[in-house]
N, C-alpha and C. Protein backbone atom coordinates (compact mmCIF):
# COMPACT_ATOMS: atom_id res chain seq x y z
N HIS A 1 70.12 230.74 -57.61
CA HIS A 1 69.45 229.53 -57.77
C HIS A 1 70.53 228.61 -58.55
N THR A 2 70.78 227.31 -58.07
CA THR A 2 71.61 226.40 -58.51
C THR A 2 70.92 225.34 -59.44
N ALA A 3 71.16 224.97 -60.60
CA ALA A 3 70.41 224.10 -60.94
C ALA A 3 70.82 222.67 -60.55
N PHE A 4 69.77 221.66 -60.29
CA PHE A 4 70.09 220.48 -59.65
C PHE A 4 69.19 219.43 -60.45
N SER A 5 70.04 218.62 -60.87
CA SER A 5 69.59 217.26 -61.55
C SER A 5 69.87 215.96 -60.51
N ILE A 6 68.54 215.44 -60.36
CA ILE A 6 68.33 214.54 -59.30
C ILE A 6 68.86 213.14 -60.04
N SER A 7 68.99 212.93 -61.65
CA SER A 7 69.26 211.91 -62.31
C SER A 7 71.00 212.02 -62.04
N THR A 8 71.47 213.16 -62.16
CA THR A 8 72.83 213.35 -61.94
C THR A 8 73.47 213.01 -60.51
N PHE A 9 72.52 213.49 -59.39
CA PHE A 9 73.00 212.89 -58.10
C PHE A 9 73.08 211.67 -57.93
N PHE A 10 71.84 211.02 -58.35
CA PHE A 10 71.80 209.36 -58.12
C PHE A 10 73.08 208.63 -58.99
N LYS A 11 73.45 209.45 -60.13
CA LYS A 11 74.40 208.75 -61.11
C LYS A 11 75.82 208.70 -60.10
N ASP A 12 76.15 210.03 -59.52
CA ASP A 12 77.15 210.22 -59.06
C ASP A 12 77.33 209.56 -57.67
N LEU A 13 76.18 209.24 -56.75
CA LEU A 13 76.28 208.77 -55.57
C LEU A 13 76.69 207.20 -55.51
N GLU A 14 77.97 207.05 -54.70
CA GLU A 14 78.31 205.83 -54.52
C GLU A 14 77.94 205.09 -53.46
N ILE A 15 77.44 203.80 -53.45
CA ILE A 15 76.86 203.32 -52.14
C ILE A 15 77.37 201.98 -52.25
N SER A 16 77.90 201.66 -51.11
CA SER A 16 78.59 200.27 -51.14
C SER A 16 77.71 199.08 -51.00
N LYS A 17 77.73 198.08 -51.64
CA LYS A 17 77.04 196.96 -52.04
C LYS A 17 76.50 196.38 -50.49
N SER A 18 77.03 196.69 -49.49
CA SER A 18 76.94 195.86 -48.22
C SER A 18 75.99 197.26 -47.36
N ALA A 19 75.83 198.14 -48.13
CA ALA A 19 74.93 199.29 -47.19
C ALA A 19 73.66 198.86 -46.71
N PHE A 20 73.11 197.70 -47.69
CA PHE A 20 71.83 197.20 -47.47
C PHE A 20 71.69 195.80 -46.88
N LYS A 21 72.81 195.27 -46.58
CA LYS A 21 72.96 194.06 -46.17
C LYS A 21 72.59 194.17 -44.64
N LYS A 22 71.52 193.11 -44.15
CA LYS A 22 71.61 192.99 -42.72
C LYS A 22 72.75 192.49 -42.02
N PRO A 23 73.31 193.14 -41.05
CA PRO A 23 74.42 192.52 -40.28
C PRO A 23 73.97 191.55 -39.74
N SER A 24 75.05 190.55 -39.71
CA SER A 24 75.13 189.04 -39.17
C SER A 24 75.61 189.31 -37.66
N ASN A 25 74.62 188.53 -37.02
CA ASN A 25 74.63 188.27 -35.57
C ASN A 25 75.85 187.32 -35.11
N LYS A 26 76.75 187.64 -34.71
CA LYS A 26 78.03 186.73 -34.57
C LYS A 26 77.68 185.80 -33.37
N ARG A 27 76.59 186.39 -32.41
CA ARG A 27 76.42 185.61 -31.39
C ARG A 27 75.04 184.67 -31.86
N LYS A 28 73.97 185.29 -32.33
CA LYS A 28 72.73 184.61 -32.61
C LYS A 28 72.83 183.39 -33.10
N ASN A 29 73.77 183.30 -34.25
CA ASN A 29 74.07 182.13 -34.85
C ASN A 29 74.39 180.85 -34.19
N VAL A 30 74.77 180.95 -33.17
CA VAL A 30 75.37 179.54 -32.51
C VAL A 30 74.80 179.61 -30.92
N TYR A 31 75.14 178.42 -30.56
CA TYR A 31 74.93 178.24 -28.98
C TYR A 31 76.18 178.79 -28.11
N LYS A 32 75.85 179.61 -27.18
CA LYS A 32 77.03 180.30 -26.45
C LYS A 32 77.47 178.87 -25.69
N LYS A 33 78.90 179.15 -25.12
CA LYS A 33 79.37 177.99 -24.62
C LYS A 33 78.55 177.67 -23.28
N THR A 34 78.12 178.73 -22.55
CA THR A 34 77.36 178.14 -21.45
C THR A 34 76.26 177.65 -21.65
N GLU A 35 75.39 177.82 -22.76
CA GLU A 35 74.31 177.22 -23.23
C GLU A 35 74.52 175.66 -23.38
N ARG A 36 75.72 175.75 -24.30
CA ARG A 36 76.03 174.20 -24.58
C ARG A 36 76.43 173.47 -23.33
N GLN A 37 77.08 174.04 -22.44
CA GLN A 37 77.49 173.37 -21.15
C GLN A 37 75.93 172.90 -20.53
N MET A 38 75.11 173.92 -20.36
CA MET A 38 73.90 173.76 -19.78
C MET A 38 73.13 172.43 -20.31
N LEU A 39 73.17 172.53 -21.69
CA LEU A 39 72.73 171.62 -22.30
C LEU A 39 73.31 170.04 -22.40
N TYR A 40 74.44 169.99 -22.37
CA TYR A 40 74.82 168.81 -22.16
C TYR A 40 74.69 168.16 -20.68
N GLU A 41 74.87 169.12 -19.81
CA GLU A 41 74.64 168.36 -18.08
C GLU A 41 73.13 168.15 -18.35
N TYR A 42 72.30 168.71 -19.05
CA TYR A 42 70.76 168.24 -18.75
C TYR A 42 70.67 166.73 -19.70
N PHE A 43 71.56 166.83 -20.63
CA PHE A 43 71.11 165.65 -21.37
C PHE A 43 71.72 164.41 -20.77
N MET A 44 72.84 164.58 -19.70
CA MET A 44 73.63 163.66 -19.22
C MET A 44 72.99 163.34 -17.93
N SER A 45 72.16 164.38 -17.35
CA SER A 45 71.34 163.80 -16.11
C SER A 45 70.08 163.16 -16.48
N ASN A 46 69.65 163.44 -17.70
CA ASN A 46 68.41 162.80 -18.12
C ASN A 46 68.65 161.85 -19.19
N PRO A 47 69.47 160.55 -19.16
CA PRO A 47 70.26 159.57 -20.07
C PRO A 47 69.48 158.72 -20.91
N THR A 48 68.29 159.39 -21.47
CA THR A 48 67.60 158.51 -22.39
C THR A 48 68.32 158.35 -23.79
N THR A 49 68.30 157.39 -24.54
CA THR A 49 68.93 157.13 -25.86
C THR A 49 69.07 158.35 -26.57
N GLU A 50 67.90 159.28 -26.83
CA GLU A 50 67.98 160.51 -27.44
C GLU A 50 68.88 161.35 -26.89
N ASN A 51 68.65 161.71 -25.58
CA ASN A 51 69.49 162.80 -24.82
C ASN A 51 71.12 162.19 -24.74
N LEU A 52 71.37 160.95 -24.77
CA LEU A 52 72.86 160.69 -24.98
C LEU A 52 73.22 160.84 -26.36
N GLY A 53 72.30 160.76 -27.25
CA GLY A 53 72.96 161.28 -28.69
C GLY A 53 73.03 162.50 -28.87
N LEU A 54 72.20 163.31 -28.19
CA LEU A 54 72.26 164.86 -28.12
C LEU A 54 73.54 165.47 -27.62
N ALA A 55 73.92 164.44 -26.33
CA ALA A 55 75.15 164.86 -25.70
C ALA A 55 76.49 164.69 -26.30
N LEU A 56 76.56 163.46 -27.32
CA LEU A 56 77.30 163.33 -28.17
C LEU A 56 77.54 164.48 -29.10
N MET A 57 76.41 164.78 -29.51
CA MET A 57 76.75 165.99 -30.68
C MET A 57 77.10 167.28 -29.92
N CYS A 58 76.88 167.51 -28.76
CA CYS A 58 77.46 168.79 -28.17
C CYS A 58 79.10 168.81 -27.98
N LEU A 59 79.53 167.46 -27.86
CA LEU A 59 81.02 167.21 -27.81
C LEU A 59 81.70 167.07 -29.01
N THR A 60 81.03 167.01 -30.40
CA THR A 60 81.65 166.78 -31.65
C THR A 60 81.08 167.80 -32.53
N GLY A 61 81.59 167.86 -33.80
CA GLY A 61 81.26 168.55 -34.84
C GLY A 61 80.20 167.71 -35.87
N LEU A 62 79.57 166.61 -35.27
CA LEU A 62 78.85 166.05 -36.05
C LEU A 62 77.38 166.62 -36.68
N ARG A 63 77.23 166.57 -37.82
CA ARG A 63 76.19 166.93 -38.31
C ARG A 63 74.59 165.76 -37.79
N ILE A 64 73.72 166.48 -37.76
CA ILE A 64 72.37 165.67 -37.27
C ILE A 64 72.25 164.40 -37.88
N GLY A 65 72.42 164.42 -39.23
CA GLY A 65 72.13 163.15 -40.03
C GLY A 65 73.08 162.20 -39.81
N GLU A 66 74.40 162.68 -39.54
CA GLU A 66 75.49 161.63 -39.31
C GLU A 66 75.07 161.13 -38.02
N LEU A 67 74.92 161.84 -37.16
CA LEU A 67 74.55 161.18 -35.62
C LEU A 67 73.66 160.44 -35.76
N ALA A 68 72.35 160.52 -36.56
CA ALA A 68 71.46 159.47 -36.63
C ALA A 68 71.80 158.21 -37.35
N ALA A 69 73.02 158.31 -38.00
CA ALA A 69 73.40 156.99 -38.64
C ALA A 69 74.64 156.24 -37.94
N ILE A 70 75.14 156.71 -37.26
CA ILE A 70 76.23 155.70 -36.41
C ILE A 70 75.87 154.31 -36.05
N LYS A 71 76.95 153.78 -36.21
CA LYS A 71 76.81 152.48 -36.00
C LYS A 71 77.99 152.28 -35.06
N LEU A 72 77.76 151.18 -34.04
CA LEU A 72 78.98 151.07 -33.04
C LEU A 72 80.21 150.52 -33.81
N GLU A 73 80.27 149.77 -34.82
CA GLU A 73 81.33 149.41 -35.64
C GLU A 73 82.42 150.70 -36.08
N ASP A 74 81.58 152.05 -36.04
CA ASP A 74 82.06 153.14 -36.44
C ASP A 74 83.27 153.73 -35.53
N ASN A 75 83.11 153.10 -34.30
CA ASN A 75 83.85 153.63 -33.24
C ASN A 75 85.20 152.80 -33.52
N VAL A 76 86.20 153.07 -34.28
CA VAL A 76 86.89 152.03 -35.01
C VAL A 76 88.13 151.70 -33.92
N GLU A 77 88.61 152.82 -33.17
CA GLU A 77 89.39 152.83 -31.73
C GLU A 77 88.86 153.50 -30.83
N SER A 78 89.57 153.77 -29.54
CA SER A 78 89.32 154.47 -28.45
C SER A 78 89.57 155.91 -29.26
N CYS A 79 88.62 156.90 -28.60
CA CYS A 79 88.32 158.13 -29.09
C CYS A 79 88.49 158.41 -30.43
N LYS A 80 88.18 157.51 -31.74
CA LYS A 80 88.11 157.86 -32.93
C LYS A 80 86.84 157.16 -33.52
N LEU A 81 86.01 157.84 -34.44
CA LEU A 81 84.91 157.84 -34.79
C LEU A 81 85.09 157.91 -36.40
N TYR A 82 84.68 156.80 -37.32
CA TYR A 82 84.68 157.25 -38.58
C TYR A 82 83.33 157.34 -39.19
N ILE A 83 83.33 158.76 -39.78
CA ILE A 83 82.24 159.32 -40.46
C ILE A 83 82.01 158.90 -41.92
N HIS A 84 81.11 157.95 -42.29
CA HIS A 84 81.04 157.66 -43.52
C HIS A 84 79.59 157.58 -44.01
N ARG A 85 78.79 157.87 -43.29
CA ARG A 85 77.18 157.40 -43.33
C ARG A 85 76.47 158.61 -43.07
N THR A 86 75.39 159.16 -43.63
CA THR A 86 74.21 160.01 -43.17
C THR A 86 73.09 159.64 -43.44
N GLU A 87 71.87 160.25 -42.69
CA GLU A 87 70.67 160.17 -43.19
C GLU A 87 70.22 161.18 -44.38
N SER A 88 69.54 160.91 -45.22
CA SER A 88 68.99 161.83 -46.14
C SER A 88 67.76 161.55 -46.71
N ARG A 89 67.08 162.30 -47.43
CA ARG A 89 65.77 161.95 -48.13
C ARG A 89 66.10 161.67 -49.57
N ALA A 90 65.26 160.71 -50.16
CA ALA A 90 65.47 160.24 -51.55
C ALA A 90 63.86 159.80 -52.07
N GLU A 91 63.87 159.60 -53.26
CA GLU A 91 62.59 159.63 -53.71
C GLU A 91 62.78 158.05 -54.40
N ILE A 92 61.77 157.40 -54.06
CA ILE A 92 61.72 155.82 -54.11
C ILE A 92 60.23 155.65 -54.70
N ASN A 93 60.12 155.09 -55.96
CA ASN A 93 58.87 154.68 -56.59
C ASN A 93 57.79 155.87 -56.24
N GLY A 94 58.14 156.97 -56.42
CA GLY A 94 57.68 158.37 -56.57
C GLY A 94 57.24 158.86 -55.24
N LYS A 95 57.77 158.36 -53.83
CA LYS A 95 57.48 158.88 -52.75
C LYS A 95 58.68 159.32 -51.98
N ARG A 96 58.66 160.14 -51.47
CA ARG A 96 59.89 160.97 -50.42
C ARG A 96 60.10 159.98 -49.35
N VAL A 97 61.02 159.35 -49.16
CA VAL A 97 61.50 158.70 -47.94
C VAL A 97 62.75 159.02 -47.43
N ILE A 98 63.09 158.57 -46.05
CA ILE A 98 64.10 158.93 -45.38
C ILE A 98 65.03 157.39 -45.71
N VAL A 99 66.14 157.88 -45.93
CA VAL A 99 67.18 156.53 -45.93
C VAL A 99 68.68 156.99 -45.27
N VAL A 100 69.43 156.07 -45.25
CA VAL A 100 70.64 156.26 -44.67
C VAL A 100 71.60 155.70 -45.81
N GLN A 101 72.37 156.74 -46.24
CA GLN A 101 73.33 156.55 -47.39
C GLN A 101 74.99 156.30 -46.86
N ASP A 102 75.58 155.41 -47.53
CA ASP A 102 77.07 155.04 -46.92
C ASP A 102 77.95 156.11 -47.46
N THR A 103 77.55 157.14 -47.33
CA THR A 103 78.70 158.30 -47.61
C THR A 103 78.46 159.77 -46.78
N SER A 104 79.45 160.59 -46.57
CA SER A 104 78.79 161.60 -45.64
C SER A 104 78.36 162.69 -46.72
N LYS A 105 77.88 163.81 -45.97
CA LYS A 105 77.17 164.80 -46.70
C LYS A 105 77.99 165.26 -47.92
N MET A 106 79.33 165.44 -47.74
CA MET A 106 80.01 166.19 -48.77
C MET A 106 80.90 165.11 -49.62
N ASP A 107 80.53 163.82 -49.40
CA ASP A 107 81.42 162.66 -49.90
C ASP A 107 82.77 162.68 -49.50
N HIS A 108 83.06 162.93 -48.17
CA HIS A 108 84.33 163.27 -47.75
C HIS A 108 84.55 162.55 -46.47
N ASP A 109 84.66 161.25 -46.50
CA ASP A 109 84.62 160.37 -45.42
C ASP A 109 85.86 160.74 -44.59
N GLU A 110 85.74 160.82 -42.97
CA GLU A 110 86.95 161.06 -42.27
C GLU A 110 86.65 160.47 -40.85
N THR A 111 88.11 159.87 -40.52
CA THR A 111 87.92 159.56 -39.02
C THR A 111 88.08 160.68 -38.07
N ILE A 112 87.43 161.09 -36.94
CA ILE A 112 87.25 162.14 -36.44
C ILE A 112 87.89 161.42 -35.04
N THR A 113 88.46 162.65 -34.48
CA THR A 113 89.07 162.54 -32.68
C THR A 113 87.81 162.86 -32.02
N LEU A 114 87.58 161.88 -30.91
CA LEU A 114 86.56 162.31 -29.89
C LEU A 114 87.07 162.43 -28.72
N PRO A 115 86.70 163.38 -27.88
CA PRO A 115 87.01 163.79 -26.60
C PRO A 115 86.43 162.58 -25.85
N ARG A 116 87.27 162.39 -24.67
CA ARG A 116 87.15 161.05 -23.62
C ARG A 116 85.76 161.12 -23.23
N ALA A 117 85.13 162.23 -23.23
CA ALA A 117 83.69 162.45 -22.62
C ALA A 117 82.77 161.82 -23.65
N ALA A 118 82.96 161.96 -24.94
CA ALA A 118 82.18 161.37 -26.06
C ALA A 118 82.67 160.05 -26.04
N GLN A 119 83.62 159.39 -25.86
CA GLN A 119 83.93 158.07 -25.99
C GLN A 119 83.19 157.41 -24.88
N ARG A 120 83.15 157.94 -23.70
CA ARG A 120 82.45 157.26 -22.53
C ARG A 120 80.75 157.04 -22.78
N ILE A 121 80.31 157.85 -23.85
CA ILE A 121 78.81 157.98 -23.96
C ILE A 121 78.93 156.68 -25.24
N ILE A 122 79.51 156.66 -25.81
CA ILE A 122 79.72 155.26 -26.90
C ILE A 122 79.77 153.95 -26.10
N ASP A 123 80.82 154.08 -25.14
CA ASP A 123 80.95 153.12 -24.21
C ASP A 123 79.85 152.73 -23.21
N ILE A 124 78.86 153.56 -22.92
CA ILE A 124 77.51 152.97 -22.38
C ILE A 124 76.87 152.11 -23.13
N PHE A 125 76.95 152.45 -24.53
CA PHE A 125 76.25 151.52 -25.41
C PHE A 125 76.89 150.00 -25.73
N ARG A 126 78.25 150.41 -25.42
CA ARG A 126 79.14 149.07 -25.86
C ARG A 126 78.81 148.24 -24.67
N MET A 127 78.66 148.53 -23.44
CA MET A 127 78.34 147.69 -22.42
C MET A 127 77.23 147.05 -22.44
N ARG A 128 76.25 147.71 -23.00
CA ARG A 128 75.00 146.95 -22.95
C ARG A 128 74.96 146.06 -23.96
N THR A 129 73.87 145.02 -24.04
CA THR A 129 73.83 143.88 -25.14
C THR A 129 73.26 144.74 -26.02
N HIS A 130 74.29 145.25 -27.17
CA HIS A 130 73.76 145.89 -28.24
C HIS A 130 73.87 145.14 -29.59
N ASP A 131 72.51 144.77 -29.68
CA ASP A 131 72.72 144.13 -31.06
C ASP A 131 71.88 144.58 -32.27
N GLU A 132 71.77 145.95 -32.08
CA GLU A 132 70.94 146.76 -32.99
C GLU A 132 71.79 147.31 -34.14
N GLU A 133 71.32 147.43 -35.20
CA GLU A 133 72.24 147.97 -36.37
C GLU A 133 72.78 149.23 -36.16
N TYR A 134 71.85 150.15 -35.53
CA TYR A 134 72.22 151.38 -35.16
C TYR A 134 72.43 151.65 -34.05
N LEU A 135 73.46 152.96 -33.80
CA LEU A 135 73.88 153.13 -32.02
C LEU A 135 72.66 153.60 -31.31
N PHE A 136 72.22 154.77 -32.19
CA PHE A 136 70.79 155.05 -31.31
C PHE A 136 69.57 154.62 -31.90
N THR A 137 68.98 153.59 -31.03
CA THR A 137 68.18 152.82 -31.27
C THR A 137 66.84 153.10 -30.17
N VAL A 138 65.68 153.04 -30.27
CA VAL A 138 64.48 152.87 -29.47
C VAL A 138 63.66 151.93 -30.10
N ASP A 139 63.36 150.83 -29.42
CA ASP A 139 62.30 149.98 -29.56
C ASP A 139 62.66 149.29 -31.11
N HIS A 140 63.82 149.07 -31.24
CA HIS A 140 64.29 148.50 -32.63
C HIS A 140 64.31 149.39 -33.71
N ARG A 141 63.89 150.75 -33.38
CA ARG A 141 63.95 151.57 -34.77
C ARG A 141 64.71 152.43 -34.52
N ARG A 142 65.60 152.99 -35.65
CA ARG A 142 66.51 153.89 -35.68
C ARG A 142 66.04 155.14 -35.16
N ILE A 143 66.80 155.98 -34.52
CA ILE A 143 66.28 157.33 -34.02
C ILE A 143 66.85 158.30 -35.32
N THR A 144 65.69 158.87 -35.77
CA THR A 144 65.85 159.84 -36.87
C THR A 144 66.49 161.21 -36.69
N ALA A 145 67.01 161.87 -37.34
CA ALA A 145 67.44 163.38 -37.22
C ALA A 145 66.05 164.23 -36.75
N GLN A 146 64.91 164.09 -37.31
CA GLN A 146 63.74 164.75 -36.92
C GLN A 146 63.58 164.53 -35.41
N THR A 147 63.72 163.39 -35.02
CA THR A 147 63.37 162.89 -33.33
C THR A 147 64.44 163.80 -32.68
N PHE A 148 65.64 163.89 -33.19
CA PHE A 148 66.70 164.37 -32.36
C PHE A 148 66.31 165.93 -32.10
N ARG A 149 66.10 166.55 -33.55
CA ARG A 149 65.57 168.05 -33.20
C ARG A 149 64.52 168.20 -32.34
N ARG A 150 63.64 167.36 -32.24
CA ARG A 150 62.58 167.44 -31.25
C ARG A 150 62.86 167.42 -29.75
N TRP A 151 63.69 166.40 -29.55
CA TRP A 151 64.45 166.54 -28.08
C TRP A 151 65.19 167.60 -28.02
N LEU A 152 65.93 168.17 -28.76
CA LEU A 152 66.92 169.24 -28.59
C LEU A 152 65.79 170.39 -28.20
N LYS A 153 64.61 170.70 -29.04
CA LYS A 153 63.65 171.67 -28.99
C LYS A 153 63.12 171.59 -27.45
N LYS A 154 62.89 170.43 -26.83
CA LYS A 154 62.23 170.40 -25.73
C LYS A 154 63.23 170.41 -24.53
N ALA A 155 64.45 170.07 -24.70
CA ALA A 155 65.52 170.60 -23.79
C ALA A 155 65.63 171.92 -23.70
N CYS A 156 65.65 172.52 -25.10
CA CYS A 156 66.09 174.16 -24.81
C CYS A 156 64.69 175.04 -23.95
N LYS A 157 63.56 174.18 -24.35
CA LYS A 157 62.35 174.79 -23.94
C LYS A 157 62.44 174.56 -22.26
N GLU A 158 62.67 173.52 -21.84
CA GLU A 158 63.02 173.41 -20.48
C GLU A 158 63.93 174.21 -19.70
N LEU A 159 65.13 174.66 -20.32
CA LEU A 159 66.15 175.39 -19.77
C LEU A 159 65.90 176.80 -20.01
N SER A 160 65.11 177.09 -20.84
CA SER A 160 64.83 178.55 -21.42
C SER A 160 65.99 179.10 -22.12
N ILE A 161 66.37 178.28 -22.97
CA ILE A 161 67.49 178.62 -23.82
C ILE A 161 66.68 178.78 -25.42
N GLU A 162 67.18 179.95 -26.09
CA GLU A 162 66.71 180.17 -27.29
C GLU A 162 66.87 178.84 -28.27
N TYR A 163 65.91 178.21 -28.93
CA TYR A 163 66.33 176.87 -29.73
C TYR A 163 66.87 177.68 -31.06
N ARG A 164 67.91 176.97 -31.27
CA ARG A 164 68.50 176.90 -32.68
C ARG A 164 68.46 175.46 -33.54
N PRO A 165 68.67 175.46 -34.73
CA PRO A 165 68.78 174.15 -35.32
C PRO A 165 70.15 173.50 -34.79
N PRO A 166 70.25 172.00 -34.96
CA PRO A 166 71.23 171.40 -34.41
C PRO A 166 72.47 171.80 -35.38
N HIS A 167 72.16 172.18 -36.64
CA HIS A 167 73.61 172.69 -36.96
C HIS A 167 74.40 173.64 -36.34
N GLN A 168 73.75 174.41 -35.79
CA GLN A 168 74.24 175.70 -35.04
C GLN A 168 75.23 174.96 -33.90
N MET A 169 74.89 173.90 -33.51
CA MET A 169 75.88 173.46 -32.40
C MET A 169 77.07 172.94 -32.99
N ARG A 170 77.17 172.72 -34.47
CA ARG A 170 78.26 172.28 -35.06
C ARG A 170 78.95 173.62 -35.24
N LYS A 171 78.44 174.87 -35.56
CA LYS A 171 78.94 175.93 -35.59
C LYS A 171 79.82 176.19 -34.36
N THR A 172 78.98 176.12 -33.16
CA THR A 172 79.55 176.41 -31.76
C THR A 172 80.66 175.40 -31.50
N TYR A 173 80.90 174.19 -32.20
CA TYR A 173 81.85 173.66 -31.79
C TYR A 173 83.40 173.73 -32.79
N ALA A 174 83.02 174.40 -33.83
CA ALA A 174 84.27 174.82 -34.72
C ALA A 174 84.50 175.90 -33.98
N SER A 175 83.71 177.03 -33.74
CA SER A 175 83.95 178.25 -32.87
C SER A 175 85.06 178.06 -31.97
N ILE A 176 84.55 177.17 -31.00
CA ILE A 176 85.39 177.04 -29.78
C ILE A 176 86.59 176.63 -30.06
N LEU A 177 86.79 175.64 -30.98
CA LEU A 177 88.08 175.05 -31.44
C LEU A 177 88.85 176.36 -31.92
N LEU A 178 88.33 177.28 -32.68
CA LEU A 178 89.33 178.14 -33.38
C LEU A 178 89.76 179.27 -32.26
N ALA A 179 88.65 179.50 -31.52
CA ALA A 179 88.96 180.42 -30.36
C ALA A 179 90.10 180.12 -29.39
N ALA A 180 90.33 178.93 -29.09
CA ALA A 180 91.26 178.20 -28.50
C ALA A 180 92.41 177.97 -29.02
N GLY A 181 92.54 178.56 -30.12
CA GLY A 181 93.94 178.46 -31.23
C GLY A 181 94.46 177.15 -31.54
N VAL A 182 93.36 176.18 -31.67
CA VAL A 182 93.69 175.09 -32.19
C VAL A 182 94.38 174.94 -33.67
N ASP A 183 95.16 174.28 -34.05
CA ASP A 183 95.83 174.21 -35.22
C ASP A 183 94.70 174.14 -36.40
N GLU A 184 94.73 174.91 -37.50
CA GLU A 184 93.63 175.02 -38.50
C GLU A 184 93.51 173.76 -39.00
N ALA A 185 94.58 172.94 -39.26
CA ALA A 185 94.80 171.71 -39.78
C ALA A 185 93.71 170.52 -39.39
N ILE A 186 93.74 170.89 -37.89
CA ILE A 186 92.98 169.97 -37.07
C ILE A 186 91.70 170.12 -37.19
N VAL A 187 91.57 171.55 -37.00
CA VAL A 187 89.85 172.02 -37.26
C VAL A 187 89.24 171.66 -38.47
N LYS A 188 89.92 171.78 -39.69
CA LYS A 188 89.54 171.53 -41.00
C LYS A 188 89.13 169.89 -40.98
N LYS A 189 89.87 169.25 -40.47
CA LYS A 189 89.92 167.72 -40.37
C LYS A 189 88.75 167.33 -39.51
N GLU A 190 88.46 167.91 -38.50
CA GLU A 190 87.57 167.53 -37.60
C GLU A 190 86.07 167.72 -38.02
N MET A 191 86.00 169.04 -38.70
CA MET A 191 84.81 169.58 -39.61
C MET A 191 84.68 168.98 -40.83
N ARG A 192 85.58 168.21 -41.37
CA ARG A 192 85.76 167.47 -42.87
C ARG A 192 85.61 168.39 -43.63
N HIS A 193 85.93 169.63 -43.56
CA HIS A 193 86.14 170.46 -44.83
C HIS A 193 87.29 170.38 -45.40
N THR A 194 87.29 170.82 -47.03
CA THR A 194 88.13 170.40 -47.94
C THR A 194 88.77 171.90 -47.77
N ASP A 195 88.47 172.95 -47.22
CA ASP A 195 89.22 174.22 -47.23
C ASP A 195 88.98 175.14 -46.12
N ILE A 196 90.11 175.23 -45.16
CA ILE A 196 89.77 176.06 -44.03
C ILE A 196 89.21 177.36 -43.81
N ALA A 197 89.31 178.16 -45.21
CA ALA A 197 88.56 179.14 -45.35
C ALA A 197 86.82 179.02 -45.18
N THR A 198 86.45 177.90 -45.63
CA THR A 198 85.11 177.70 -45.51
C THR A 198 84.59 177.56 -43.81
N THR A 199 85.56 176.82 -43.10
CA THR A 199 85.42 176.78 -41.57
C THR A 199 85.26 178.52 -41.19
N ARG A 200 86.46 179.14 -41.55
CA ARG A 200 86.44 180.34 -40.88
C ARG A 200 85.19 181.20 -41.38
N ALA A 201 85.01 181.12 -42.87
CA ALA A 201 84.00 182.06 -43.29
C ALA A 201 82.60 181.68 -42.61
N TYR A 202 82.17 180.24 -42.37
CA TYR A 202 80.64 180.00 -42.17
C TYR A 202 80.69 179.40 -40.68
N TYR A 203 81.55 179.22 -40.04
CA TYR A 203 81.66 178.38 -38.71
C TYR A 203 82.25 179.00 -37.61
N GLN A 204 82.90 180.23 -37.98
CA GLN A 204 83.42 180.72 -36.83
C GLN A 204 82.78 182.21 -36.06
N PHE A 205 82.23 182.07 -34.98
CA PHE A 205 81.27 183.13 -34.48
C PHE A 205 81.77 183.24 -32.91
N ILE A 206 81.13 184.04 -32.29
CA ILE A 206 81.54 184.46 -30.78
C ILE A 206 80.65 183.55 -30.04
N THR A 207 81.18 182.73 -29.19
CA THR A 207 80.48 181.86 -28.13
C THR A 207 80.25 182.11 -27.06
N GLU A 208 81.02 183.35 -26.66
CA GLU A 208 80.97 183.88 -25.28
C GLU A 208 80.07 184.88 -25.12
N ASN A 209 79.20 185.28 -23.94
CA ASN A 209 78.13 186.08 -23.80
C ASN A 209 78.91 187.62 -23.42
N ASP A 210 78.26 188.73 -23.39
CA ASP A 210 78.98 189.82 -23.24
C ASP A 210 79.91 189.95 -21.97
N ALA A 211 79.54 189.34 -21.05
CA ALA A 211 80.59 189.69 -19.82
C ALA A 211 81.63 188.71 -20.03
N GLU A 212 81.44 187.41 -20.52
CA GLU A 212 82.71 186.52 -20.86
C GLU A 212 83.52 187.37 -21.56
N GLU A 213 83.10 187.89 -22.98
CA GLU A 213 83.91 188.66 -23.78
C GLU A 213 84.67 189.68 -23.25
N LYS A 214 84.01 190.64 -22.35
CA LYS A 214 84.56 191.76 -21.81
C LYS A 214 85.69 191.34 -20.82
N ALA A 215 85.61 190.20 -20.18
CA ALA A 215 86.50 189.40 -19.30
C ALA A 215 87.93 189.10 -20.07
N ILE A 216 87.74 188.21 -21.15
CA ILE A 216 88.87 188.03 -22.25
C ILE A 216 89.40 189.38 -22.56
N ILE A 217 89.04 190.20 -23.19
CA ILE A 217 89.64 191.50 -23.65
C ILE A 217 90.31 192.27 -22.64
N ASP A 218 89.60 192.41 -21.34
CA ASP A 218 90.47 192.68 -20.10
C ASP A 218 91.64 192.04 -19.99
N ARG A 219 91.56 190.75 -19.83
CA ARG A 219 92.77 189.77 -19.31
C ARG A 219 93.84 190.03 -20.53
N VAL A 220 93.43 189.87 -21.52
CA VAL A 220 94.47 189.89 -22.88
C VAL A 220 95.18 191.59 -22.95
N MET A 221 93.99 192.58 -23.06
CA MET A 221 94.68 193.91 -23.44
C MET A 221 94.66 194.82 -22.04
N GLY A 222 94.48 194.38 -21.15
CA GLY A 222 94.48 195.32 -19.85
C GLY A 222 95.89 195.67 -19.36
N LEU A 223 95.95 196.89 -18.98
CA LEU A 223 97.28 197.38 -18.43
C LEU A 223 97.13 197.40 -16.98
């Protein structure tokens, strides 16, 4: 017979703090590249103002609040967009209201570089008689972040794509840049992060599906 102390057992038992953490899903947290492409093509083939805004989001690392607050004047030169404004909520006279603030979310204004496809979307509005204050406007009213979310949900439903919040498209954008080997200084600037470690920790995910990932590994490591 061996004496056994349950209290001593648990005292001596070492369990990693991560043992009870739910493992992160490095695919579920973002839109796959194929899903992003499907959404972009859907938006461009159904070019409502809302869809063109979402198409621009697919091509950039814009936050949804920043997308809703763009003005034509922010397109400071070809393929350059000055981000210094965002939609947010504020309390005015005891009521919670939606406002546009002349500052970015992290108080870190930056001019980002746009792919040519994104510039072409802005040029669509430039070619119109555009006398509205904001770029994305319907019936003289600015399209809000919540409206963009509803249209993204609608597109995902029609394409049988799992809906993820708009911020996950921003994570997809960063993940694609990092996976492509883009200089981290450029990625940090485009994401408007003060530290690339933030980008790597919270914005680097797997955007390929299983078959694509296997093909990449086979191409790189196959003998």
